[in-house]
């Protein structure tokens, strides 16, 4: 997957891991918070995404613990994951700046000079 093809949920998973390792349920909550509730991941979707990201060497398992009899597996960004997130963030920032520039330079209806 090229960086330009990254889907929003994938970007949000990487963003959620930017400040440190998290377990699956915490990632689901964090993605929802980052997206202001627009993106809600189901567990199966999250773990499939984490598997793909691990195959791409962007995330890695970083530990496990048992809490209330349930296994929590933690995930963290790799160096390549940090670099990919930074590149994607910069690309989105450039695109947003260009869209903003175009919106602000737009001639408003009724203001054009003849």
PDB file of N, CA and C in Angstrom:
ATOM      1  N   UNK A   1       0.852  -1.166   0.000  1.00  0.00           N
ATOM      2  CA  UNK A   1       0.000   0.000   0.000  1.00  0.00           C
ATOM      3  C   UNK A   1       0.896   1.226   0.000  1.00  0.00           C
ATOM      4  N   UNK A   2       0.733   2.090  -0.972  1.00  0.00           N
ATOM      5  CA  UNK A   2       1.482   3.327  -1.014  1.00  0.00           C
ATOM      6  C   UNK A   2       0.938   4.297   0.017  1.00  0.00           C
ATOM      7  N   UNK A   3       1.789   5.227   0.408  1.00  0.00           N
ATOM      8  CA  UNK A   3       1.375   6.179   1.436  1.00  0.00           C
ATOM      9  C   UNK A   3       0.155   6.974   0.999  1.00  0.00           C
ATOM     10  N   UNK A   4       0.043   7.274  -0.288  1.00  0.00           N
ATOM     11  CA  UNK A   4      -1.094   8.052  -0.771  1.00  0.00           C
ATOM     12  C   UNK A   4      -2.394   7.270  -0.710  1.00  0.00           C
ATOM     13  N   UNK A   5      -2.318   5.959  -0.529  1.00  0.00           N
ATOM     14  CA  UNK A   5      -3.506   5.112  -0.504  1.00  0.00           C
ATOM     15  C   UNK A   5      -3.990   4.801   0.914  1.00  0.00           C
ATOM     16  N   UNK A   6      -3.341   5.348   1.932  1.00  0.00           N
ATOM     17  CA  UNK A   6      -3.702   5.018   3.308  1.00  0.00           C
ATOM     18  C   UNK A   6      -5.119   5.493   3.622  1.00  0.00           C
ATOM     19  N   UNK A   7      -5.900   4.586   4.135  1.00  0.00           N
ATOM     20  CA  UNK A   7      -7.277   4.910   4.511  1.00  0.00           C
ATOM     21  C   UNK A   7      -7.291   5.550   5.896  1.00  0.00           C
ATOM     22  N   UNK A   8      -8.348   6.310   6.143  1.00  0.00           N
ATOM     23  CA  UNK A   8      -8.441   7.042   7.404  1.00  0.00           C
ATOM     24  C   UNK A   8      -8.349   6.137   8.636  1.00  0.00           C
ATOM     25  N   UNK A   9      -9.051   4.998   8.702  1.00  0.00           N
ATOM     26  CA  UNK A   9      -8.924   4.164   9.908  1.00  0.00           C
ATOM     27  C   UNK A   9      -7.484   3.703  10.158  1.00  0.00           C
ATOM     28  N   UNK A  10      -6.757   3.383   9.100  1.00  0.00           N
ATOM     29  CA  UNK A  10      -5.356   2.971   9.246  1.00  0.00           C
ATOM     30  C   UNK A  10      -4.527   4.120   9.792  1.00  0.00           C
ATOM     31  N   UNK A  11      -4.715   5.301   9.213  1.00  0.00           N
ATOM     32  CA  UNK A  11      -4.019   6.497   9.694  1.00  0.00           C
ATOM     33  C   UNK A  11      -4.325   6.733  11.174  1.00  0.00           C
ATOM     34  N   UNK A  12      -5.583   6.585  11.554  1.00  0.00           N
ATOM     35  CA  UNK A  12      -5.983   6.831  12.939  1.00  0.00           C
ATOM     36  C   UNK A  12      -5.397   5.804  13.901  1.00  0.00           C
ATOM     37  N   UNK A  13      -5.254   4.554  13.469  1.00  0.00           N
ATOM     38  CA  UNK A  13      -4.607   3.542  14.313  1.00  0.00           C
ATOM     39  C   UNK A  13      -3.152   3.940  14.548  1.00  0.00           C
ATOM     40  N   UNK A  14      -2.455   4.341  13.482  1.00  0.00           N
ATOM     41  CA  UNK A  14      -1.065   4.782  13.644  1.00  0.00           C
ATOM     42  C   UNK A  14      -0.999   6.014  14.548  1.00  0.00           C
ATOM     43  N   UNK A  15      -1.915   6.957  14.351  1.00  0.00           N
ATOM     44  CA  UNK A  15      -1.935   8.170  15.177  1.00  0.00           C
ATOM     45  C   UNK A  15      -2.189   7.827  16.645  1.00  0.00           C
ATOM     46  N   UNK A  16      -3.063   6.869  16.894  1.00  0.00           N
ATOM     47  CA  UNK A  16      -3.370   6.467  18.270  1.00  0.00           C
ATOM     48  C   UNK A  16      -2.158   5.861  18.966  1.00  0.00           C
ATOM     49  N   UNK A  17      -1.259   5.270  18.189  1.00  0.00           N
ATOM     50  CA  UNK A  17      -0.056   4.660  18.755  1.00  0.00           C
ATOM     51  C   UNK A  17       1.118   5.635  18.842  1.00  0.00           C
ATOM     52  N   UNK A  18       0.951   6.841  18.322  1.00  0.00           N
ATOM     53  CA  UNK A  18       2.059   7.793  18.249  1.00  0.00           C
ATOM     54  C   UNK A  18       2.619   8.160  19.620  1.00  0.00           C
ATOM     55  N   UNK A  19       1.784   8.159  20.645  1.00  0.00           N
ATOM     56  CA  UNK A  19       2.270   8.546  21.969  1.00  0.00           C
ATOM     57  C   UNK A  19       2.565   7.351  22.868  1.00  0.00           C
ATOM     58  N   UNK A  20       2.604   6.156  22.290  1.00  0.00           N
ATOM     59  CA  UNK A  20       3.004   4.994  23.064  1.00  0.00           C
ATOM     60  C   UNK A  20       2.135   3.777  22.816  1.00  0.00           C
ATOM     61  N   UNK A  21       2.602   2.653  23.316  1.00  0.00           N
ATOM     62  CA  UNK A  21       1.936   1.366  23.110  1.00  0.00           C
ATOM     63  C   UNK A  21       0.556   1.359  23.757  1.00  0.00           C
ATOM     64  N   UNK A  22      -0.357   0.650  23.104  1.00  0.00           N
ATOM     65  CA  UNK A  22      -1.718   0.501  23.618  1.00  0.00           C
ATOM     66  C   UNK A  22      -2.216  -0.903  23.305  1.00  0.00           C
ATOM     67  N   UNK A  23      -3.166  -1.379  24.109  1.00  0.00           N
ATOM     68  CA  UNK A  23      -3.817  -2.658  23.830  1.00  0.00           C
ATOM     69  C   UNK A  23      -5.025  -2.404  22.942  1.00  0.00           C
ATOM     70  N   UNK A  24      -5.604  -3.470  22.415  1.00  0.00           N
ATOM     71  CA  UNK A  24      -6.667  -3.368  21.424  1.00  0.00           C
ATOM     72  C   UNK A  24      -7.849  -2.514  21.825  1.00  0.00           C
ATOM     73  N   UNK A  25      -8.408  -2.758  23.013  1.00  0.00           N
ATOM     74  CA  UNK A  25      -9.588  -1.987  23.415  1.00  0.00           C
ATOM     75  C   UNK A  25      -9.253  -0.505  23.561  1.00  0.00           C
ATOM     76  N   UNK A  26      -8.070  -0.210  24.091  1.00  0.00           N
ATOM     77  CA  UNK A  26      -7.646   1.193  24.217  1.00  0.00           C
ATOM     78  C   UNK A  26      -7.490   1.828  22.840  1.00  0.00           C
ATOM     79  N   UNK A  27      -7.012   1.067  21.864  1.00  0.00           N
ATOM     80  CA  UNK A  27      -6.899   1.586  20.494  1.00  0.00           C
ATOM     81  C   UNK A  27      -8.267   1.912  19.909  1.00  0.00           C
ATOM     82  N   UNK A  28      -9.223   1.035  20.134  1.00  0.00           N
ATOM     83  CA  UNK A  28     -10.587   1.279  19.636  1.00  0.00           C
ATOM     84  C   UNK A  28     -11.124   2.585  20.216  1.00  0.00           C
ATOM     85  N   UNK A  29     -10.969   2.777  21.519  1.00  0.00           N
ATOM     86  CA  UNK A  29     -11.445   4.012  22.170  1.00  0.00           C
ATOM     87  C   UNK A  29     -10.684   5.235  21.671  1.00  0.00           C
ATOM     88  N   UNK A  30      -9.374   5.095  21.505  1.00  0.00           N
ATOM     89  CA  UNK A  30      -8.544   6.225  21.078  1.00  0.00           C
ATOM     90  C   UNK A  30      -8.868   6.654  19.648  1.00  0.00           C
ATOM     91  N   UNK A  31      -9.066   5.695  18.754  1.00  0.00           N
ATOM     92  CA  UNK A  31      -9.443   6.019  17.372  1.00  0.00           C
ATOM     93  C   UNK A  31     -10.775   6.757  17.360  1.00  0.00           C
ATOM     94  N   UNK A  32     -11.711   6.301  18.160  1.00  0.00           N
ATOM     95  CA  UNK A  32     -13.007   6.973  18.232  1.00  0.00           C
ATOM     96  C   UNK A  32     -12.850   8.404  18.757  1.00  0.00           C
ATOM     97  N   UNK A  33     -11.996   8.589  19.761  1.00  0.00           N
ATOM     98  CA  UNK A  33     -11.778   9.929  20.325  1.00  0.00           C
ATOM     99  C   UNK A  33     -11.086  10.851  19.320  1.00  0.00           C
ATOM    100  N   UNK A  34     -10.043  10.359  18.670  1.00  0.00           N
ATOM    101  CA  UNK A  34      -9.307  11.176  17.695  1.00  0.00           C
ATOM    102  C   UNK A  34     -10.222  11.624  16.569  1.00  0.00           C
ATOM    103  N   UNK A  35     -11.124  10.749  16.158  1.00  0.00           N
ATOM    104  CA  UNK A  35     -12.007  11.048  15.020  1.00  0.00           C
ATOM    105  C   UNK A  35     -13.305  11.736  15.445  1.00  0.00           C
ATOM    106  N   UNK A  36     -13.398  12.153  16.684  1.00  0.00           N
ATOM    107  CA  UNK A  36     -14.631  12.763  17.209  1.00  0.00           C
ATOM    108  C   UNK A  36     -15.843  11.868  16.985  1.00  0.00           C
ATOM    109  N   UNK A  37     -15.636  10.559  17.108  1.00  0.00           N
ATOM    110  CA  UNK A  37     -16.732   9.605  17.000  1.00  0.00           C
ATOM    111  C   UNK A  37     -17.104   9.193  15.584  1.00  0.00           C
ATOM    112  N   UNK A  38     -16.425   9.733  14.582  1.00  0.00           N
ATOM    113  CA  UNK A  38     -16.751   9.383  13.190  1.00  0.00           C
ATOM    114  C   UNK A  38     -16.290   7.977  12.822  1.00  0.00           C
ATOM    115  N   UNK A  39     -15.195   7.519  13.427  1.00  0.00           N
ATOM    116  CA  UNK A  39     -14.654   6.198  13.102  1.00  0.00           C
ATOM    117  C   UNK A  39     -14.736   5.323  14.343  1.00  0.00           C
ATOM    118  N   UNK A  40     -15.505   4.257  14.239  1.00  0.00           N
ATOM    119  CA  UNK A  40     -15.633   3.281  15.315  1.00  0.00           C
ATOM    120  C   UNK A  40     -15.196   1.934  14.761  1.00  0.00           C
ATOM    121  N   UNK A  41     -14.131   1.401  15.315  1.00  0.00           N
ATOM    122  CA  UNK A  41     -13.606   0.119  14.846  1.00  0.00           C
ATOM    123  C   UNK A  41     -14.178  -1.023  15.667  1.00  0.00           C
ATOM    124  N   UNK A  42     -14.560  -2.086  14.997  1.00  0.00           N
ATOM    125  CA  UNK A  42     -14.914  -3.326  15.693  1.00  0.00           C
ATOM    126  C   UNK A  42     -13.616  -4.078  15.958  1.00  0.00           C
ATOM    127  N   UNK A  43     -13.632  -4.945  16.937  1.00  0.00           N
ATOM    128  CA  UNK A  43     -12.419  -5.670  17.315  1.00  0.00           C
ATOM    129  C   UNK A  43     -11.827  -6.434  16.134  1.00  0.00           C
ATOM    130  N   UNK A  44     -12.665  -7.131  15.375  1.00  0.00           N
ATOM    131  CA  UNK A  44     -12.161  -7.899  14.234  1.00  0.00           C
ATOM    132  C   UNK A  44     -11.498  -7.025  13.191  1.00  0.00           C
ATOM    133  N   UNK A  45     -12.080  -5.861  12.945  1.00  0.00           N
ATOM    134  CA  UNK A  45     -11.512  -4.914  11.986  1.00  0.00           C
ATOM    135  C   UNK A  45     -10.173  -4.394  12.485  1.00  0.00           C
ATOM    136  N   UNK A  46     -10.106  -4.052  13.776  1.00  0.00           N
ATOM    137  CA  UNK A  46      -8.862  -3.551  14.348  1.00  0.00           C
ATOM    138  C   UNK A  46      -7.759  -4.593  14.249  1.00  0.00           C
ATOM    139  N   UNK A  47      -8.045  -5.834  14.650  1.00  0.00           N
ATOM    140  CA  UNK A  47      -6.991  -6.840  14.669  1.00  0.00           C
ATOM    141  C   UNK A  47      -6.553  -7.226  13.259  1.00  0.00           C
ATOM    142  N   UNK A  48      -7.457  -7.174  12.293  1.00  0.00           N
ATOM    143  CA  UNK A  48      -7.057  -7.389  10.896  1.00  0.00           C
ATOM    144  C   UNK A  48      -6.130  -6.261  10.446  1.00  0.00           C
ATOM    145  N   UNK A  49      -6.469  -5.026  10.806  1.00  0.00           N
ATOM    146  CA  UNK A  49      -5.624  -3.875  10.454  1.00  0.00           C
ATOM    147  C   UNK A  49      -4.261  -3.983  11.131  1.00  0.00           C
ATOM    148  N   UNK A  50      -4.247  -4.359  12.409  1.00  0.00           N
ATOM    149  CA  UNK A  50      -2.972  -4.519  13.108  1.00  0.00           C
ATOM    150  C   UNK A  50      -2.123  -5.609  12.467  1.00  0.00           C
ATOM    151  N   UNK A  51      -2.764  -6.682  12.012  1.00  0.00           N
ATOM    152  CA  UNK A  51      -2.034  -7.743  11.316  1.00  0.00           C
ATOM    153  C   UNK A  51      -1.396  -7.239  10.035  1.00  0.00           C
ATOM    154  N   UNK A  52      -2.157  -6.466   9.256  1.00  0.00           N
ATOM    155  CA  UNK A  52      -1.608  -5.888   8.016  1.00  0.00           C
ATOM    156  C   UNK A  52      -0.469  -4.920   8.324  1.00  0.00           C
ATOM    157  N   UNK A  53      -0.673  -4.082   9.331  1.00  0.00           N
ATOM    158  CA  UNK A  53       0.365  -3.118   9.699  1.00  0.00           C
ATOM    159  C   UNK A  53       1.618  -3.820  10.220  1.00  0.00           C
ATOM    160  N   UNK A  54       1.440  -4.922  10.930  1.00  0.00           N
ATOM    161  CA  UNK A  54       2.590  -5.704  11.395  1.00  0.00           C
ATOM    162  C   UNK A  54       3.311  -6.344  10.212  1.00  0.00           C
ATOM    163  N   UNK A  55       2.549  -6.862   9.240  1.00  0.00           N
ATOM    164  CA  UNK A  55       3.160  -7.433   8.032  1.00  0.00           C
ATOM    165  C   UNK A  55       3.968  -6.391   7.276  1.00  0.00           C
ATOM    166  N   UNK A  56       3.513  -5.137   7.321  1.00  0.00           N
ATOM    167  CA  UNK A  56       4.214  -4.034   6.651  1.00  0.00           C
ATOM    168  C   UNK A  56       5.329  -3.455   7.519  1.00  0.00           C
ATOM    169  N   UNK A  57       5.518  -4.037   8.707  1.00  0.00           N
ATOM    170  CA  UNK A  57       6.555  -3.607   9.655  1.00  0.00           C
ATOM    171  C   UNK A  57       6.330  -2.181  10.170  1.00  0.00           C
ATOM    172  N   UNK A  58       5.060  -1.777  10.269  1.00  0.00           N
ATOM    173  CA  UNK A  58       4.730  -0.446  10.776  1.00  0.00           C
ATOM    174  C   UNK A  58       4.361  -0.475  12.254  1.00  0.00           C
ATOM    175  N   UNK A  59       3.848  -1.613  12.733  1.00  0.00           N
ATOM    176  CA  UNK A  59       3.576  -1.808  14.158  1.00  0.00           C
ATOM    177  C   UNK A  59       4.150  -3.155  14.570  1.00  0.00           C
ATOM    178  N   UNK A  60       4.299  -3.326  15.879  1.00  0.00           N
ATOM    179  CA  UNK A  60       4.792  -4.597  16.420  1.00  0.00           C
ATOM    180  C   UNK A  60       4.135  -4.841  17.769  1.00  0.00           C
ATOM    181  N   UNK A  61       3.918  -6.096  18.108  1.00  0.00           N
ATOM    182  CA  UNK A  61       3.462  -6.390  19.466  1.00  0.00           C
ATOM    183  C   UNK A  61       4.554  -5.948  20.441  1.00  0.00           C
ATOM    184  N   UNK A  62       4.157  -5.369  21.566  1.00  0.00           N
ATOM    185  CA  UNK A  62       5.177  -4.867  22.495  1.00  0.00           C
ATOM    186  C   UNK A  62       4.985  -5.380  23.916  1.00  0.00           C
ATOM    187  N   UNK A  63       4.179  -6.405  24.065  1.00  0.00           N
ATOM    188  CA  UNK A  63       4.013  -6.992  25.384  1.00  0.00           C
ATOM    189  C   UNK A  63       2.597  -7.482  25.600  1.00  0.00           C
ATOM    190  N   UNK A  64       2.442  -8.238  26.671  1.00  0.00           N
ATOM    191  CA  UNK A  64       1.136  -8.784  27.035  1.00  0.00           C
ATOM    192  C   UNK A  64       1.000  -8.734  28.542  1.00  0.00           C
ATOM    193  N   UNK A  65      -0.245  -8.678  28.993  1.00  0.00           N
ATOM    194  CA  UNK A  65      -0.532  -8.803  30.417  1.00  0.00           C
ATOM    195  C   UNK A  65      -1.927  -9.385  30.560  1.00  0.00           C
ATOM    196  N   UNK A  66      -2.177 -10.000  31.690  1.00  0.00           N
ATOM    197  CA  UNK A  66      -3.503 -10.528  31.982  1.00  0.00           C
ATOM    198  C   UNK A  66      -4.158  -9.584  32.980  1.00  0.00           C
ATOM    199  N   UNK A  67      -5.345  -9.090  32.618  1.00  0.00           N
ATOM    200  CA  UNK A  67      -6.106  -8.183  33.475  1.00  0.00           C
ATOM    201  C   UNK A  67      -7.498  -8.775  33.633  1.00  0.00           C
ATOM    202  N   UNK A  68      -7.894  -9.020  34.866  1.00  0.00           N
ATOM    203  CA  UNK A  68      -9.200  -9.623  35.148  1.00  0.00           C
ATOM    204  C   UNK A  68      -9.404 -10.908  34.354  1.00  0.00           C
ATOM    205  N   UNK A  69      -8.351 -11.708  34.245  1.00  0.00           N
ATOM    206  CA  UNK A  69      -8.437 -12.988  33.556  1.00  0.00           C
ATOM    207  C   UNK A  69      -8.419 -12.902  32.035  1.00  0.00           C
ATOM    208  N   UNK A  70      -8.228 -11.708  31.503  1.00  0.00           N
ATOM    209  CA  UNK A  70      -8.223 -11.537  30.039  1.00  0.00           C
ATOM    210  C   UNK A  70      -6.845 -11.068  29.590  1.00  0.00           C
ATOM    211  N   UNK A  71      -6.406 -11.629  28.480  1.00  0.00           N
ATOM    212  CA  UNK A  71      -5.107 -11.265  27.923  1.00  0.00           C
ATOM    213  C   UNK A  71      -5.208  -9.938  27.179  1.00  0.00           C
ATOM    214  N   UNK A  72      -4.303  -9.034  27.499  1.00  0.00           N
ATOM    215  CA  UNK A  72      -4.176  -7.781  26.752  1.00  0.00           C
ATOM    216  C   UNK A  72      -2.844  -7.821  26.010  1.00  0.00           C
ATOM    217  N   UNK A  73      -2.914  -7.679  24.709  1.00  0.00           N
ATOM    218  CA  UNK A  73      -1.696  -7.611  23.901  1.00  0.00           C
ATOM    219  C   UNK A  73      -1.511  -6.151  23.494  1.00  0.00           C
ATOM    220  N   UNK A  74      -0.325  -5.637  23.744  1.00  0.00           N
ATOM    221  CA  UNK A  74      -0.014  -4.247  23.430  1.00  0.00           C
ATOM    222  C   UNK A  74       0.706  -4.161  22.090  1.00  0.00           C
ATOM    223  N   UNK A  75       0.465  -3.049  21.404  1.00  0.00           N
ATOM    224  CA  UNK A  75       1.086  -2.781  20.107  1.00  0.00           C
ATOM    225  C   UNK A  75       1.748  -1.419  20.161  1.00  0.00           C
ATOM    226  N   UNK A  76       2.823  -1.281  19.383  1.00  0.00           N
ATOM    227  CA  UNK A  76       3.559  -0.023  19.329  1.00  0.00           C
ATOM    228  C   UNK A  76       4.019   0.213  17.898  1.00  0.00           C
ATOM    229  N   UNK A  77       4.335   1.460  17.585  1.00  0.00           N
ATOM    230  CA  UNK A  77       4.873   1.790  16.267  1.00  0.00           C
ATOM    231  C   UNK A  77       6.323   1.334  16.165  1.00  0.00           C
ATOM    232  N   UNK A  78       6.703   0.887  14.994  1.00  0.00           N
ATOM    233  CA  UNK A  78       8.110   0.654  14.687  1.00  0.00           C
ATOM    234  C   UNK A  78       8.693   1.980  14.200  1.00  0.00           C
ATOM    235  N   UNK A  79      10.001   2.012  13.970  1.00  0.00           N
ATOM    236  CA  UNK A  79      10.604   3.217  13.387  1.00  0.00           C
ATOM    237  C   UNK A  79       9.979   3.520  12.028  1.00  0.00           C
ATOM    238  N   UNK A  80       9.729   2.473  11.241  1.00  0.00           N
ATOM    239  CA  UNK A  80       9.082   2.666   9.933  1.00  0.00           C
ATOM    240  C   UNK A  80       7.660   3.191  10.106  1.00  0.00           C
ATOM    241  N   UNK A  81       6.974   2.769  11.157  1.00  0.00           N
ATOM    242  CA  UNK A  81       5.632   3.262  11.438  1.00  0.00           C
ATOM    243  C   UNK A  81       5.634   4.736  11.802  1.00  0.00           C
ATOM    244  N   UNK A  82       6.617   5.149  12.595  1.00  0.00           N
ATOM    245  CA  UNK A  82       6.754   6.566  12.953  1.00  0.00           C
ATOM    246  C   UNK A  82       7.006   7.386  11.691  1.00  0.00           C
ATOM    247  N   UNK A  83       7.912   6.909  10.850  1.00  0.00           N
ATOM    248  CA  UNK A  83       8.239   7.619   9.607  1.00  0.00           C
ATOM    249  C   UNK A  83       7.024   7.695   8.682  1.00  0.00           C
ATOM    250  N   UNK A  84       6.301   6.594   8.558  1.00  0.00           N
ATOM    251  CA  UNK A  84       5.109   6.572   7.706  1.00  0.00           C
ATOM    252  C   UNK A  84       4.047   7.531   8.229  1.00  0.00           C
ATOM    253  N   UNK A  85       3.824   7.539   9.531  1.00  0.00           N
ATOM    254  CA  UNK A  85       2.843   8.453  10.112  1.00  0.00           C
ATOM    255  C   UNK A  85       3.262   9.902   9.885  1.00  0.00           C
ATOM    256  N   UNK A  86       4.535  10.206  10.061  1.00  0.00           N
ATOM    257  CA  UNK A  86       5.017  11.576   9.844  1.00  0.00           C
ATOM    258  C   UNK A  86       4.844  11.989   8.385  1.00  0.00           C
ATOM    259  N   UNK A  87       5.160  11.094   7.462  1.00  0.00           N
ATOM    260  CA  UNK A  87       5.015  11.390   6.034  1.00  0.00           C
ATOM    261  C   UNK A  87       3.557  11.606   5.677  1.00  0.00           C
ATOM    262  N   UNK A  88       2.696  10.739   6.173  1.00  0.00           N
ATOM    263  CA  UNK A  88       1.260  10.852   5.893  1.00  0.00           C
ATOM    264  C   UNK A  88       0.692  12.131   6.500  1.00  0.00           C
ATOM    265  N   UNK A  89       1.097  12.465   7.710  1.00  0.00           N
ATOM    266  CA  UNK A  89       0.629  13.682   8.367  1.00  0.00           C
ATOM    267  C   UNK A  89       1.050  14.914   7.573  1.00  0.00           C
ATOM    268  N   UNK A  90       2.286  14.933   7.107  1.00  0.00           N
ATOM    269  CA  UNK A  90       2.772  16.065   6.306  1.00  0.00           C
ATOM    270  C   UNK A  90       1.992  16.177   5.003  1.00  0.00           C
ATOM    271  N   UNK A  91       1.698  15.049   4.372  1.00  0.00           N
ATOM    272  CA  UNK A  91       0.937  15.061   3.117  1.00  0.00           C
ATOM    273  C   UNK A  91      -0.468  15.618   3.348  1.00  0.00           C
ATOM    274  N   UNK A  92      -1.124  15.160   4.408  1.00  0.00           N
ATOM    275  CA  UNK A  92      -2.463  15.661   4.719  1.00  0.00           C
ATOM    276  C   UNK A  92      -2.433  17.151   5.059  1.00  0.00           C
ATOM    277  N   UNK A  93      -1.391  17.575   5.776  1.00  0.00           N
ATOM    278  CA  UNK A  93      -1.256  18.985   6.129  1.00  0.00           C
ATOM    279  C   UNK A  93      -1.105  19.839   4.863  1.00  0.00           C
ATOM    280  N   UNK A  94      -0.278  19.391   3.911  1.00  0.00           N
ATOM    281  CA  UNK A  94      -0.110  20.120   2.640  1.00  0.00           C
ATOM    282  C   UNK A  94      -1.429  20.193   1.881  1.00  0.00           C
ATOM    283  N   UNK A  95      -2.134  19.073   1.808  1.00  0.00           N
ATOM    284  CA  UNK A  95      -3.421  19.058   1.103  1.00  0.00           C
ATOM    285  C   UNK A  95      -4.427  19.996   1.767  1.00  0.00           C
ATOM    286  N   UNK A  96      -4.480  19.981   3.089  1.00  0.00           N
ATOM    287  CA  UNK A  96      -5.410  20.858   3.799  1.00  0.00           C
ATOM    288  C   UNK A  96      -5.037  22.325   3.597  1.00  0.00           C
ATOM    289  N   UNK A  97      -3.745  22.639   3.613  1.00  0.00           N
ATOM    290  CA  UNK A  97      -3.306  24.023   3.397  1.00  0.00           C
ATOM    291  C   UNK A  97      -3.685  24.495   2.000  1.00  0.00           C
ATOM    292  N   UNK A  98      -3.523  23.632   1.014  1.00  0.00           N
ATOM    293  CA  UNK A  98      -3.889  24.002  -0.358  1.00  0.00           C
ATOM    294  C   UNK A  98      -5.396  24.201  -0.479  1.00  0.00           C
ATOM    295  N   UNK A  99      -6.172  23.330   0.122  1.00  0.00           N
ATOM    296  CA  UNK A  99      -7.630  23.492   0.096  1.00  0.00           C
ATOM    297  C   UNK A  99      -8.025  24.796   0.783  1.00  0.00           C
ATOM    298  N   UNK A 100      -7.402  25.092   1.916  1.00  0.00           N
ATOM    299  CA  UNK A 100      -7.688  26.326   2.641  1.00  0.00           C
ATOM    300  C   UNK A 100      -7.322  27.548   1.798  1.00  0.00           C
ATOM    301  N   UNK A 101      -6.165  27.507   1.154  1.00  0.00           N
ATOM    302  CA  UNK A 101      -5.735  28.613   0.297  1.00  0.00           C
ATOM    303  C   UNK A 101      -6.751  28.849  -0.812  1.00  0.00           C
ATOM    304  N   UNK A 102      -7.203  27.774  -1.441  1.00  0.00           N
ATOM    305  CA  UNK A 102      -8.164  27.900  -2.534  1.00  0.00           C
ATOM    306  C   UNK A 102      -9.515  28.418  -2.043  1.00  0.00           C
ATOM    307  N   UNK A 103      -9.935  27.961  -0.885  1.00  0.00           N
ATOM    308  CA  UNK A 103     -11.198  28.459  -0.328  1.00  0.00           C
ATOM    309  C   UNK A 103     -11.128  29.957  -0.042  1.00  0.00           C
ATOM    310  N   UNK A 104     -10.002  30.399   0.498  1.00  0.00           N
ATOM    311  CA  UNK A 104      -9.861  31.814   0.849  1.00  0.00           C
ATOM    312  C   UNK A 104      -9.654  32.710  -0.365  1.00  0.00           C
ATOM    313  N   UNK A 105      -9.183  32.154  -1.463  1.00  0.00           N
ATOM    314  CA  UNK A 105      -8.976  32.972  -2.662  1.00  0.00           C
ATOM    315  C   UNK A 105     -10.187  32.938  -3.590  1.00  0.00           C
ATOM    316  N   UNK A 106     -11.157  32.161  -3.239  1.00  0.00           N
ATOM    317  CA  UNK A 106     -12.358  32.000  -4.062  1.00  0.00           C
ATOM    318  C   UNK A 106     -13.121  33.322  -4.152  1.00  0.00           C
ATOM    319  N   UNK A 107     -13.543  33.661  -5.364  1.00  0.00           N
ATOM    320  CA  UNK A 107     -14.360  34.851  -5.564  1.00  0.00           C
ATOM    321  C   UNK A 107     -15.756  34.559  -5.048  1.00  0.00           C
ATOM    322  N   UNK A 108     -16.210  35.385  -4.144  1.00  0.00           N
ATOM    323  CA  UNK A 108     -17.538  35.201  -3.566  1.00  0.00           C
ATOM    324  C   UNK A 108     -18.604  35.657  -4.567  1.00  0.00           C
ATOM    325  N   UNK A 109     -19.738  34.973  -4.631  1.00  0.00           N
ATOM    326  CA  UNK A 109     -20.819  35.412  -5.525  1.00  0.00           C
ATOM    327  C   UNK A 109     -21.198  36.862  -5.221  1.00  0.00           C
ATOM    328  N   UNK A 110     -21.349  37.639  -6.276  1.00  0.00           N
ATOM    329  CA  UNK A 110     -21.742  39.033  -6.124  1.00  0.00           C
ATOM    330  C   UNK A 110     -20.594  39.984  -5.856  1.00  0.00           C
ATOM    331  N   UNK A 111     -19.350  39.455  -5.766  1.00  0.00           N
ATOM    332  CA  UNK A 111     -18.211  40.332  -5.499  1.00  0.00           C
ATOM    333  C   UNK A 111     -17.277  40.453  -6.691  1.00  0.00           C
ATOM    334  N   UNK A 112     -17.554  39.725  -7.759  1.00  0.00           N
ATOM    335  CA  UNK A 112     -16.684  39.784  -8.937  1.00  0.00           C
ATOM    336  C   UNK A 112     -16.827  41.144  -9.606  1.00  0.00           C
ATOM    337  N   UNK A 113     -15.709  41.641 -10.106  1.00  0.00           N
ATOM    338  CA  UNK A 113     -15.746  42.910 -10.837  1.00  0.00           C
ATOM    339  C   UNK A 113     -15.841  42.630 -12.316  1.00  0.00           C
ATOM    340  N   UNK A 114     -16.581  43.482 -13.025  1.00  0.00           N
ATOM    341  CA  UNK A 114     -16.791  43.281 -14.465  1.00  0.00           C
ATOM    342  C   UNK A 114     -15.792  44.036 -15.279  1.00  0.00           C
TER     343      UNK A 114
END
